[in-house]
Amino acid sequence: ASFHGGPGVTILFIITAVTCGFSALCYAEFASRIPVAGSAYTYAYASFGELIAWIIGWDLLMEYAIGNIAVAVSWSTYFVNLLEGFHIHVPVYLTMDYYSAFSAHQQVQELTASHHFADITDTLKQGAMAWNTAPGFSGFKLIANIPALAIVVAITYLVYIGIRETKKATNAMVILKIVIVIAVIAIGFFYVTPANWHPFMPNGFSGVMKGVSG
């Protein structure tokens, strides 16, 4: 988002904040009118009937399944980097998925054979290292993103325990995030350099909006 939008990405944060505000108000209205569990499925069921609710239910399942993968993988990267800061090194093959490591290994071999060494990026090197250093048997490598898997299992277990425990954990995480954001703003305020704001939107407003999916 920052690459395409430049400093103008700050406008995107404002637009997103307003959008999230309207979404929150809508959910608050729904929750007060239909105070039962079920989220968008229940609201659609009460408003439009079973068919629409069934479609929305499957939409939510697919959205959360794909979204959870992206969030879990991102969290894993941040977590591994945090451990690196404390000089705790996690083997590469425990922080990457099997296909990415295999694909990187194949590409590095092809590029090496064709002497295109300049095209071997750091990401490819890391993937190839994961493949080459991973233990295995009968040609199968033991490669998995363990931190991502662990956080998904932990959150799933938390949700399984009950809604009250989930609510408490969610509130705690929200408070933690707000504290961190406020700390970043308070500390980062002293490092603002207005000279870096030019050009404000190097790729125009369309460049800013390219980061909307993030």
Protein backbone atom coordinates (compact mmCIF):
# COMPACT_ATOMS: atom_id res chain seq x y z
CA ALA A 1 0.00 0.00 0.00
CA SER A 2 2.79 2.42 0.90
CA PHE A 3 4.72 1.53 -2.26
CA HIS A 4 1.82 2.47 -4.54
CA GLY A 5 0.26 5.22 -2.46
CA GLY A 6 3.31 6.98 -1.07
CA PRO A 7 2.63 9.40 1.81
CA GLY A 8 -0.92 9.69 0.47
CA VAL A 9 -1.66 6.31 2.04
CA THR A 10 -2.58 8.31 5.14
CA ILE A 11 -5.75 9.31 3.29
CA LEU A 12 -6.51 5.63 2.83
CA PHE A 13 -6.31 5.10 6.58
CA ILE A 14 -8.85 7.88 7.09
CA ILE A 15 -11.21 6.46 4.44
CA THR A 16 -10.91 3.00 5.95
CA ALA A 17 -11.55 4.36 9.45
CA VAL A 18 -14.76 6.05 8.29
CA THR A 19 -15.86 2.89 6.49
CA CYS A 20 -15.16 0.75 9.54
CA GLY A 21 -17.10 3.25 11.66
CA PHE A 22 -20.21 2.85 9.50
CA SER A 23 -19.80 -0.93 9.56
CA ALA A 24 -19.51 -0.90 13.35
CA LEU A 25 -22.66 1.23 13.67
CA CYS A 26 -24.56 -1.20 11.42
CA TYR A 27 -23.47 -4.20 13.46
CA ALA A 28 -24.33 -2.38 16.69
CA GLU A 29 -27.84 -1.70 15.35
CA PHE A 30 -28.25 -5.32 14.26
CA ALA A 31 -26.98 -6.63 17.60
CA SER A 32 -29.40 -4.44 19.56
CA ARG A 33 -32.38 -5.48 17.41
CA ILE A 34 -31.44 -9.20 17.19
CA PRO A 35 -29.49 -9.96 20.41
CA VAL A 36 -28.53 -13.58 19.65
CA ALA A 37 -25.34 -15.29 18.46
CA GLY A 38 -24.72 -15.87 14.78
CA SER A 39 -23.46 -12.55 13.44
CA ALA A 40 -24.30 -11.78 9.79
CA TYR A 41 -25.92 -15.21 9.30
CA THR A 42 -28.51 -14.53 12.00
CA TYR A 43 -29.15 -10.98 10.82
CA ALA A 44 -29.70 -12.17 7.25
CA TYR A 45 -31.91 -15.03 8.45
CA ALA A 46 -34.14 -12.63 10.38
CA SER A 47 -34.23 -10.07 7.57
CA PHE A 48 -34.28 -12.04 4.30
CA GLY A 49 -34.92 -15.67 5.12
CA GLU A 50 -33.08 -18.96 5.13
CA LEU A 51 -31.74 -19.00 1.55
CA ILE A 52 -29.93 -15.65 1.80
CA ALA A 53 -28.67 -16.58 5.27
CA TRP A 54 -27.34 -19.88 3.91
CA ILE A 55 -25.44 -18.06 1.14
CA ILE A 56 -24.02 -15.52 3.57
CA GLY A 57 -23.05 -18.30 5.97
CA TRP A 58 -20.96 -20.00 3.30
CA ASP A 59 -19.52 -16.64 2.23
CA LEU A 60 -18.38 -16.06 5.81
CA LEU A 61 -16.83 -19.53 6.01
CA MET A 62 -14.80 -18.95 2.85
CA GLU A 63 -13.87 -15.40 3.84
CA TYR A 64 -12.70 -16.36 7.31
CA ALA A 65 -10.87 -19.45 6.04
CA ILE A 66 -8.86 -17.48 3.46
CA GLY A 67 -8.49 -14.42 5.68
CA ASN A 68 -7.27 -16.51 8.61
CA ILE A 69 -4.54 -18.04 6.45
CA ALA A 70 -3.20 -14.62 5.43
CA VAL A 71 -3.37 -13.23 8.97
CA ALA A 72 -1.78 -16.34 10.51
CA VAL A 73 1.10 -16.31 8.02
CA SER A 74 1.68 -12.58 8.60
CA TRP A 75 1.57 -13.08 12.37
CA SER A 76 4.09 -15.90 12.03
CA THR A 77 6.50 -13.59 10.20
CA TYR A 78 6.18 -10.90 12.87
CA PHE A 79 6.57 -13.45 15.66
CA VAL A 80 9.69 -15.00 14.13
CA ASN A 81 11.20 -11.52 13.65
CA LEU A 82 10.42 -10.75 17.30
CA LEU A 83 12.23 -13.90 18.39
CA GLU A 84 15.18 -12.93 16.21
CA GLY A 85 15.38 -9.70 18.18
CA PHE A 86 15.92 -11.81 21.31
CA HIS A 87 18.50 -13.95 19.44
CA ILE A 88 16.16 -16.93 19.27
CA HIS A 89 16.53 -18.49 15.84
CA VAL A 90 13.73 -20.65 14.48
CA PRO A 91 14.73 -23.02 11.63
CA VAL A 92 13.52 -21.71 8.28
CA TYR A 93 11.71 -24.96 7.45
CA LEU A 94 9.48 -24.39 10.50
CA THR A 95 8.35 -20.95 9.30
CA MET A 96 7.35 -21.68 5.70
CA ASP A 97 4.77 -23.77 3.89
CA TYR A 98 5.78 -26.87 1.94
CA TYR A 99 4.81 -25.62 -1.51
CA SER A 100 6.69 -22.31 -1.19
CA ALA A 101 9.87 -24.10 -0.14
CA PHE A 102 9.58 -26.68 -2.92
CA SER A 103 8.82 -24.02 -5.55
CA ALA A 104 11.75 -21.86 -4.42
CA HIS A 105 14.07 -24.87 -4.52
CA GLN A 106 13.00 -25.67 -8.08
CA GLN A 107 13.40 -22.08 -9.26
CA VAL A 108 16.84 -21.70 -7.70
CA GLN A 109 17.97 -24.89 -9.43
CA GLU A 110 16.67 -23.68 -12.79
CA LEU A 111 18.19 -20.22 -12.44
CA THR A 112 21.50 -21.67 -11.31
CA ALA A 113 21.57 -24.08 -14.25
CA SER A 114 20.92 -21.20 -16.67
CA HIS A 115 23.50 -18.99 -14.87
CA HIS A 116 20.88 -16.33 -14.09
CA PHE A 117 22.25 -15.78 -10.60
CA ALA A 118 21.03 -12.16 -10.45
CA ASP A 119 17.42 -13.38 -10.59
CA ILE A 120 17.78 -15.40 -7.40
CA THR A 121 16.09 -13.18 -4.82
CA ASP A 122 16.48 -13.36 -1.05
CA THR A 123 13.01 -14.90 -0.82
CA LEU A 124 14.00 -17.68 -3.21
CA LYS A 125 17.22 -18.26 -1.29
CA GLN A 126 15.29 -18.54 1.96
CA GLY A 127 12.82 -20.98 0.45
CA ALA A 128 15.60 -23.09 -1.04
CA MET A 129 17.40 -23.09 2.30
CA ALA A 130 14.22 -24.31 3.99
CA TRP A 131 13.97 -27.16 1.50
CA ASN A 132 17.64 -28.14 1.72
CA THR A 133 17.89 -28.02 5.52
CA ALA A 134 14.55 -29.65 6.36
CA PRO A 135 14.63 -33.19 7.73
CA GLY A 136 12.65 -35.81 5.87
CA PHE A 137 12.32 -39.37 4.68
CA SER A 138 11.64 -41.08 1.34
CA GLY A 139 11.85 -37.76 -0.49
CA PHE A 140 9.27 -36.08 1.74
CA LYS A 141 10.42 -33.01 3.64
CA LEU A 142 9.08 -32.02 7.05
CA ILE A 143 8.27 -28.40 6.28
CA ALA A 144 5.46 -26.43 7.92
CA ASN A 145 4.74 -22.95 9.21
CA ILE A 146 4.52 -24.00 12.86
CA PRO A 147 3.91 -20.51 14.38
CA ALA A 148 1.00 -19.92 11.97
CA LEU A 149 -0.44 -23.35 12.74
CA ALA A 150 -0.01 -22.81 16.48
CA ILE A 151 -1.84 -19.46 16.52
CA VAL A 152 -4.75 -20.88 14.51
CA VAL A 153 -5.05 -23.84 16.90
CA ALA A 154 -4.86 -21.53 19.93
CA ILE A 155 -7.55 -19.16 18.62
CA THR A 156 -9.75 -22.07 17.54
CA TYR A 157 -9.49 -23.59 21.02
CA LEU A 158 -10.31 -20.23 22.58
CA VAL A 159 -13.44 -19.90 20.44
CA TYR A 160 -14.38 -23.51 21.27
CA ILE A 161 -14.20 -22.87 25.03
CA GLY A 162 -16.99 -20.31 24.99
CA ILE A 163 -18.24 -16.88 24.03
CA ARG A 164 -17.40 -15.26 27.38
CA GLU A 165 -13.76 -16.31 27.23
CA THR A 166 -13.58 -15.22 23.60
CA LYS A 167 -15.05 -11.84 24.52
CA LYS A 168 -12.52 -11.33 27.32
CA ALA A 169 -9.61 -12.28 25.08
CA THR A 170 -10.89 -10.06 22.26
CA ASN A 171 -11.27 -7.08 24.60
CA ALA A 172 -7.76 -7.64 25.96
CA MET A 173 -6.28 -7.78 22.45
CA VAL A 174 -8.17 -4.67 21.36
CA ILE A 175 -6.92 -2.76 24.40
CA LEU A 176 -3.38 -3.97 23.71
CA LYS A 177 -3.60 -2.87 20.06
CA ILE A 178 -4.93 0.55 21.02
CA VAL A 179 -2.12 1.02 23.56
CA ILE A 180 0.48 0.03 20.94
CA VAL A 181 -1.01 2.35 18.30
CA ILE A 182 -1.08 5.26 20.75
CA ALA A 183 2.53 4.51 21.76
CA VAL A 184 3.63 4.43 18.11
CA ILE A 185 1.89 7.76 17.45
CA ALA A 186 3.31 9.39 20.59
CA ILE A 187 6.87 8.21 19.94
CA GLY A 188 6.78 8.51 16.15
CA PHE A 189 5.52 12.09 16.35
CA PHE A 190 9.04 13.24 17.16
CA TYR A 191 10.47 11.54 14.07
CA VAL A 192 8.14 13.06 11.48
CA THR A 193 10.01 14.53 8.52
CA PRO A 194 7.73 16.72 6.31
CA ALA A 195 10.33 16.61 3.53
CA ASN A 196 9.39 12.95 2.98
CA TRP A 197 5.81 13.94 2.08
CA HIS A 198 6.78 15.02 -1.43
CA PRO A 199 5.41 13.83 -3.77
CA PHE A 200 2.37 13.17 -1.60
CA MET A 201 0.64 10.88 -4.12
CA PRO A 202 3.31 9.72 -6.61
CA ASN A 203 0.85 7.48 -8.48
CA GLY A 204 -2.23 9.63 -8.02
CA PHE A 205 -5.34 8.78 -6.04
CA SER A 206 -5.66 5.47 -7.89
CA GLY A 207 -2.28 4.48 -6.44
CA VAL A 208 -3.56 5.23 -2.96
CA MET A 209 -6.67 3.10 -3.51
CA LYS A 210 -4.59 0.10 -4.61
CA GLY A 211 -3.91 -0.57 -0.96
CA VAL A 212 -7.58 -0.69 0.00
CA SER A 213 -7.64 -4.50 0.13
CA GLY A 214 -4.90 -4.51 2.76
